[in-house]
Amino acid sequence: MGCSEELTPEQQAAEAAQSYYQRLLDGYPDGFLVGKANYDQYPSDYRQQLVKANELFMEDMKQKHNGLRAVAVSPNVGRVDTTLHVVYTFLLLSYGDSTQEEVTVPMVQVDGEWKMK
């Protein structure tokens, strides 16, 4: 059995970001929002507004790009900002009209978990 490679903080943050965006793609806007730092401290009415905003975003992507089809970690390597304690990760969003978009997702560690800033 081979040894498994330990992931760098940049890779860990990127995989966490991808998993949160995958939840959005899978139709769980509340699961996506759980990936936001301090989301559990937001007032419930604000959380409901964020869920609705993400639902509207996905609907907009359906109209503009035939929907979001896939989320992948970009080959571009994430960058660490040691001053702000943030890792900037890069994801590739693939749409139904065959276009792609690279997005930057700032990530922070909260209680040992990577969360979206």
Protein backbone atom coordinates (compact mmCIF):
# COMPACT_ATOMS: atom_id res chain seq x y z
CA MET A 1 0.00 0.00 0.00
CA GLY A 2 1.35 3.43 -0.94
CA CYS A 3 1.53 6.42 1.34
CA SER A 4 -1.06 9.06 0.78
CA GLU A 5 0.20 12.55 0.14
CA GLU A 6 -0.79 15.17 2.66
CA LEU A 7 -2.69 18.01 1.06
CA THR A 8 -1.37 21.54 1.31
CA PRO A 9 -3.60 24.17 2.96
CA GLU A 10 -4.26 25.57 -0.52
CA GLN A 11 -5.45 22.16 -1.75
CA GLN A 12 -7.56 21.58 1.36
CA ALA A 13 -9.22 24.99 0.99
CA ALA A 14 -9.85 24.43 -2.73
CA GLU A 15 -11.47 21.04 -2.12
CA ALA A 16 -13.68 22.53 0.59
CA ALA A 17 -14.73 25.37 -1.74
CA GLN A 18 -15.51 22.87 -4.48
CA SER A 19 -17.66 20.81 -2.11
CA TYR A 20 -19.70 23.88 -1.10
CA TYR A 21 -20.25 24.89 -4.74
CA GLN A 22 -21.17 21.29 -5.56
CA ARG A 23 -23.96 21.52 -2.98
CA LEU A 24 -25.27 24.60 -4.78
CA LEU A 25 -25.08 22.74 -8.09
CA ASP A 26 -26.91 19.78 -6.54
CA GLY A 27 -29.81 22.05 -5.56
CA TYR A 28 -28.98 22.64 -1.91
CA PRO A 29 -28.46 26.41 -1.51
CA ASP A 30 -28.65 26.04 2.26
CA GLY A 31 -25.87 23.41 2.10
CA PHE A 32 -23.77 25.87 0.11
CA LEU A 33 -24.33 28.58 2.71
CA VAL A 34 -23.29 26.31 5.57
CA GLY A 35 -19.84 26.68 4.02
CA LYS A 36 -19.74 30.38 4.84
CA ALA A 37 -17.68 31.44 7.84
CA ASN A 38 -19.92 32.31 10.80
CA TYR A 39 -23.10 31.42 8.87
CA ASP A 40 -24.61 29.93 12.03
CA GLN A 41 -24.39 33.36 13.67
CA TYR A 42 -26.48 35.11 10.99
CA PRO A 43 -30.06 36.01 11.92
CA SER A 44 -32.54 33.49 10.49
CA ASP A 45 -34.28 36.06 8.26
CA TYR A 46 -30.92 36.99 6.74
CA ARG A 47 -30.10 33.30 6.16
CA GLN A 48 -33.44 32.90 4.36
CA GLN A 49 -32.60 35.90 2.16
CA LEU A 50 -29.23 34.34 1.28
CA VAL A 51 -30.87 31.03 0.37
CA LYS A 52 -33.32 32.89 -1.89
CA ALA A 53 -30.45 34.88 -3.49
CA ASN A 54 -28.62 31.64 -4.30
CA GLU A 55 -31.78 30.11 -5.77
CA LEU A 56 -32.15 33.21 -7.96
CA PHE A 57 -28.49 32.97 -8.99
CA MET A 58 -28.99 29.38 -10.14
CA GLU A 59 -32.14 30.35 -12.03
CA ASP A 60 -30.24 33.19 -13.69
CA MET A 61 -27.50 30.75 -14.74
CA LYS A 62 -30.17 28.51 -16.30
CA GLN A 63 -31.47 31.42 -18.37
CA LYS A 64 -28.07 32.81 -19.37
CA HIS A 65 -25.95 29.67 -19.75
CA ASN A 66 -28.31 26.64 -19.78
CA GLY A 67 -27.44 26.11 -16.14
CA LEU A 68 -24.36 25.34 -14.11
CA ARG A 69 -23.17 21.83 -15.02
CA ALA A 70 -19.92 21.20 -13.15
CA VAL A 71 -17.58 22.64 -10.56
CA ALA A 72 -13.88 21.74 -10.52
CA VAL A 73 -10.77 22.94 -8.78
CA SER A 74 -8.84 25.09 -11.24
CA PRO A 75 -5.32 24.06 -12.20
CA ASN A 76 -4.27 27.52 -10.99
CA VAL A 77 -2.79 27.12 -7.55
CA GLY A 78 -4.45 28.90 -4.65
CA ARG A 79 -2.62 31.77 -2.99
CA VAL A 80 -2.10 32.34 0.71
CA ASP A 81 -2.39 35.80 2.21
CA THR A 82 -0.56 35.38 5.49
CA THR A 83 -1.43 38.90 6.61
CA LEU A 84 -5.19 38.35 6.35
CA HIS A 85 -5.01 34.58 7.05
CA VAL A 86 -6.93 33.87 3.86
CA VAL A 87 -6.38 31.32 1.10
CA TYR A 88 -7.63 32.46 -2.29
CA THR A 89 -8.77 29.36 -4.15
CA PHE A 90 -9.76 29.10 -7.80
CA LEU A 91 -12.68 27.08 -9.14
CA LEU A 92 -13.80 26.42 -12.71
CA LEU A 93 -17.54 26.67 -13.24
CA SER A 94 -18.72 24.88 -16.38
CA TYR A 95 -22.04 25.88 -17.89
CA GLY A 96 -24.53 24.10 -20.12
CA ASP A 97 -23.70 26.35 -23.08
CA SER A 98 -20.09 25.01 -23.00
CA THR A 99 -18.63 28.18 -21.48
CA GLN A 100 -16.45 28.18 -18.40
CA GLU A 101 -15.70 30.75 -15.77
CA GLU A 102 -12.91 30.80 -13.23
CA VAL A 103 -13.94 32.24 -9.88
CA THR A 104 -11.87 33.15 -6.86
CA VAL A 105 -13.17 31.92 -3.53
CA PRO A 106 -11.51 33.36 -0.41
CA MET A 107 -11.32 30.73 2.31
CA VAL A 108 -10.54 30.96 6.03
CA GLN A 109 -10.06 28.34 8.69
CA VAL A 110 -12.74 28.30 11.39
CA ASP A 111 -12.32 25.74 14.17
CA GLY A 112 -10.14 23.59 11.90
CA GLU A 113 -12.55 23.67 8.92
CA TRP A 114 -12.14 25.62 5.72
CA LYS A 115 -15.02 28.05 5.19
CA MET A 116 -15.83 30.65 2.55
CA LYS A 117 -15.11 34.18 3.69
